[in-house]
Amino acid sequence: QGPISGVNKDIAVLQCHGDCDPLVPLMFGSLTVEKLKSMINPANVTFRTYSGMMHSSCIEEMMDVKQFIDKHLPPID
């Protein structure tokens, strides 16, 4: 499929991946991010990899997710 139109073409995306993931190899994460960049504004796509992380999460990843949420979502009163 081609690029997404309308408001969704400017959506911000954070994709995170461990470089030691035995279930979803890093290569597939890299291919996915390139596909996303072809569909939406590539400047809005962030791909982060985490050294030594398997098919799980880590503190560094959670801090990146928090920073992404804080940047892109309005605060809740």
N, C-alpha and C. Protein backbone atom coordinates (compact mmCIF):
# COMPACT_ATOMS: atom_id res chain seq x y z
N GLN A 1 0.83 -1.18 0.00
CA GLN A 1 0.00 0.00 0.00
C GLN A 1 0.88 1.24 0.00
N GLY A 2 0.31 2.33 -0.46
CA GLY A 2 1.04 3.58 -0.57
C GLY A 2 0.95 4.42 0.68
N PRO A 3 1.36 5.67 0.56
CA PRO A 3 1.35 6.58 1.70
C PRO A 3 -0.06 6.78 2.28
N ILE A 4 -0.10 7.05 3.54
CA ILE A 4 -1.35 7.33 4.25
C ILE A 4 -1.68 8.80 4.04
N SER A 5 -2.94 9.11 3.83
CA SER A 5 -3.34 10.50 3.63
C SER A 5 -4.10 11.00 4.85
N GLY A 6 -4.40 12.28 4.83
CA GLY A 6 -5.18 12.87 5.92
C GLY A 6 -4.33 13.13 7.14
N VAL A 7 -5.00 13.26 8.27
CA VAL A 7 -4.34 13.63 9.51
C VAL A 7 -3.34 12.55 9.95
N ASN A 8 -3.59 11.31 9.64
CA ASN A 8 -2.72 10.23 10.09
C ASN A 8 -1.34 10.23 9.45
N LYS A 9 -1.17 10.95 8.35
CA LYS A 9 0.15 10.98 7.70
C LYS A 9 1.18 11.69 8.56
N ASP A 10 0.74 12.49 9.53
CA ASP A 10 1.65 13.22 10.40
C ASP A 10 1.72 12.65 11.82
N ILE A 11 1.21 11.45 12.00
CA ILE A 11 1.24 10.83 13.33
C ILE A 11 2.69 10.53 13.72
N ALA A 12 2.99 10.68 15.00
CA ALA A 12 4.31 10.35 15.52
C ALA A 12 4.33 8.88 15.93
N VAL A 13 5.42 8.19 15.59
CA VAL A 13 5.56 6.77 15.89
C VAL A 13 6.91 6.54 16.57
N LEU A 14 6.89 5.81 17.66
CA LEU A 14 8.11 5.34 18.31
C LEU A 14 8.11 3.84 18.21
N GLN A 15 9.15 3.29 17.60
CA GLN A 15 9.31 1.85 17.50
C GLN A 15 10.58 1.47 18.25
N CYS A 16 10.46 0.52 19.16
CA CYS A 16 11.59 0.09 19.98
C CYS A 16 11.88 -1.39 19.72
N HIS A 17 13.18 -1.74 19.79
CA HIS A 17 13.55 -3.13 19.49
C HIS A 17 14.86 -3.49 20.18
N GLY A 18 14.90 -4.66 20.77
CA GLY A 18 16.14 -5.17 21.35
C GLY A 18 17.01 -5.80 20.27
N ASP A 19 18.31 -5.57 20.37
CA ASP A 19 19.19 -6.12 19.33
C ASP A 19 19.51 -7.60 19.52
N CYS A 20 19.02 -8.19 20.61
CA CYS A 20 19.22 -9.63 20.86
C CYS A 20 17.90 -10.39 20.91
N ASP A 21 16.86 -9.84 20.32
CA ASP A 21 15.53 -10.47 20.36
C ASP A 21 15.55 -11.77 19.55
N PRO A 22 15.34 -12.93 20.21
CA PRO A 22 15.35 -14.20 19.48
C PRO A 22 14.03 -14.51 18.78
N LEU A 23 12.95 -13.83 19.14
CA LEU A 23 11.64 -14.11 18.53
C LEU A 23 11.37 -13.24 17.31
N VAL A 24 11.72 -11.95 17.40
CA VAL A 24 11.55 -11.02 16.29
C VAL A 24 12.92 -10.40 16.00
N PRO A 25 13.65 -10.97 15.05
CA PRO A 25 15.00 -10.47 14.78
C PRO A 25 15.01 -8.97 14.46
N LEU A 26 16.09 -8.32 14.83
CA LEU A 26 16.25 -6.89 14.60
C LEU A 26 16.03 -6.53 13.13
N MET A 27 16.41 -7.40 12.22
CA MET A 27 16.22 -7.14 10.79
C MET A 27 14.75 -6.85 10.48
N PHE A 28 13.82 -7.56 11.13
CA PHE A 28 12.40 -7.33 10.87
C PHE A 28 11.95 -5.99 11.44
N GLY A 29 12.51 -5.58 12.57
CA GLY A 29 12.24 -4.25 13.10
C GLY A 29 12.72 -3.17 12.15
N SER A 30 13.90 -3.37 11.58
CA SER A 30 14.46 -2.41 10.63
C SER A 30 13.61 -2.33 9.36
N LEU A 31 13.15 -3.46 8.88
CA LEU A 31 12.28 -3.47 7.69
C LEU A 31 10.95 -2.78 7.98
N THR A 32 10.42 -3.00 9.16
CA THR A 32 9.15 -2.38 9.55
C THR A 32 9.27 -0.87 9.61
N VAL A 33 10.35 -0.37 10.20
CA VAL A 33 10.51 1.08 10.31
C VAL A 33 10.67 1.71 8.93
N GLU A 34 11.34 1.04 8.02
CA GLU A 34 11.47 1.58 6.67
C GLU A 34 10.12 1.61 5.96
N LYS A 35 9.29 0.59 6.17
CA LYS A 35 7.94 0.58 5.60
C LYS A 35 7.11 1.72 6.18
N LEU A 36 7.19 1.92 7.50
CA LEU A 36 6.47 3.03 8.13
C LEU A 36 6.89 4.37 7.52
N LYS A 37 8.19 4.55 7.33
CA LYS A 37 8.70 5.81 6.78
C LYS A 37 8.22 6.05 5.36
N SER A 38 7.87 4.99 4.64
CA SER A 38 7.34 5.15 3.28
C SER A 38 5.85 5.48 3.28
N MET A 39 5.20 5.26 4.43
CA MET A 39 3.76 5.45 4.52
C MET A 39 3.36 6.76 5.19
N ILE A 40 4.18 7.22 6.14
CA ILE A 40 3.89 8.47 6.85
C ILE A 40 5.10 9.37 6.77
N ASN A 41 5.00 10.57 7.31
CA ASN A 41 6.12 11.50 7.31
C ASN A 41 7.32 10.85 8.00
N PRO A 42 8.39 10.57 7.27
CA PRO A 42 9.53 9.87 7.88
C PRO A 42 10.18 10.64 9.03
N ALA A 43 10.04 11.94 9.05
CA ALA A 43 10.60 12.74 10.14
C ALA A 43 9.90 12.46 11.46
N ASN A 44 8.71 11.86 11.41
CA ASN A 44 7.93 11.57 12.61
C ASN A 44 8.11 10.15 13.12
N VAL A 45 8.98 9.38 12.48
CA VAL A 45 9.21 7.99 12.87
C VAL A 45 10.55 7.90 13.60
N THR A 46 10.49 7.39 14.82
CA THR A 46 11.70 7.19 15.63
C THR A 46 11.88 5.71 15.88
N PHE A 47 13.07 5.21 15.60
CA PHE A 47 13.41 3.81 15.81
C PHE A 47 14.56 3.74 16.81
N ARG A 48 14.31 3.09 17.94
CA ARG A 48 15.33 2.96 18.97
C ARG A 48 15.66 1.48 19.17
N THR A 49 16.94 1.20 19.26
CA THR A 49 17.37 -0.16 19.56
C THR A 49 18.08 -0.14 20.91
N TYR A 50 18.05 -1.30 21.56
CA TYR A 50 18.60 -1.42 22.91
C TYR A 50 19.57 -2.60 22.95
N SER A 51 20.80 -2.28 23.28
CA SER A 51 21.87 -3.26 23.30
C SER A 51 21.63 -4.32 24.37
N GLY A 52 21.70 -5.58 23.94
CA GLY A 52 21.55 -6.70 24.86
C GLY A 52 20.12 -7.06 25.23
N MET A 53 19.14 -6.26 24.78
CA MET A 53 17.75 -6.54 25.13
C MET A 53 17.18 -7.64 24.25
N MET A 54 16.54 -8.59 24.88
CA MET A 54 15.91 -9.68 24.16
C MET A 54 14.45 -9.31 23.86
N HIS A 55 13.54 -10.28 23.86
CA HIS A 55 12.12 -10.03 23.59
C HIS A 55 11.47 -9.61 24.90
N SER A 56 11.82 -8.41 25.34
CA SER A 56 11.38 -7.91 26.65
C SER A 56 11.46 -6.40 26.62
N SER A 57 11.63 -5.79 27.78
CA SER A 57 11.82 -4.35 27.86
C SER A 57 12.93 -4.06 28.86
N CYS A 58 13.33 -2.81 28.91
CA CYS A 58 14.37 -2.40 29.85
C CYS A 58 14.06 -0.99 30.32
N ILE A 59 14.75 -0.57 31.35
CA ILE A 59 14.52 0.77 31.92
C ILE A 59 14.74 1.85 30.87
N GLU A 60 15.80 1.73 30.09
CA GLU A 60 16.09 2.74 29.06
C GLU A 60 14.93 2.87 28.07
N GLU A 61 14.37 1.74 27.66
CA GLU A 61 13.23 1.75 26.74
C GLU A 61 12.03 2.44 27.39
N MET A 62 11.75 2.10 28.64
CA MET A 62 10.61 2.71 29.32
C MET A 62 10.78 4.21 29.49
N MET A 63 12.00 4.66 29.70
CA MET A 63 12.26 6.10 29.79
C MET A 63 12.04 6.76 28.43
N ASP A 64 12.43 6.09 27.34
CA ASP A 64 12.18 6.62 26.00
C ASP A 64 10.69 6.69 25.71
N VAL A 65 9.94 5.69 26.13
CA VAL A 65 8.48 5.69 25.95
C VAL A 65 7.85 6.84 26.73
N LYS A 66 8.29 7.03 27.98
CA LYS A 66 7.78 8.14 28.79
C LYS A 66 8.07 9.48 28.13
N GLN A 67 9.28 9.66 27.65
CA GLN A 67 9.65 10.92 26.99
C GLN A 67 8.80 11.14 25.74
N PHE A 68 8.55 10.09 24.97
CA PHE A 68 7.73 10.17 23.76
C PHE A 68 6.30 10.58 24.12
N ILE A 69 5.74 9.95 25.15
CA ILE A 69 4.37 10.27 25.59
C ILE A 69 4.30 11.71 26.08
N ASP A 70 5.27 12.11 26.90
CA ASP A 70 5.29 13.47 27.42
C ASP A 70 5.37 14.50 26.29
N LYS A 71 6.07 14.16 25.23
CA LYS A 71 6.25 15.09 24.10
C LYS A 71 5.00 15.17 23.22
N HIS A 72 4.31 14.05 23.03
CA HIS A 72 3.26 14.00 22.01
C HIS A 72 1.83 13.98 22.54
N LEU A 73 1.64 13.76 23.82
CA LEU A 73 0.28 13.73 24.35
C LEU A 73 0.09 14.89 25.32
N PRO A 74 -1.08 15.50 25.31
CA PRO A 74 -1.32 16.61 26.23
C PRO A 74 -1.36 16.11 27.68
N PRO A 75 -0.93 16.94 28.62
CA PRO A 75 -0.98 16.53 30.02
C PRO A 75 -2.42 16.37 30.52
N ILE A 76 -2.58 15.51 31.49
CA ILE A 76 -3.89 15.28 32.11
C ILE A 76 -3.94 16.09 33.40
N ASP A 77 -5.01 16.83 33.57
CA ASP A 77 -5.15 17.62 34.81
C ASP A 77 -5.59 16.76 35.96
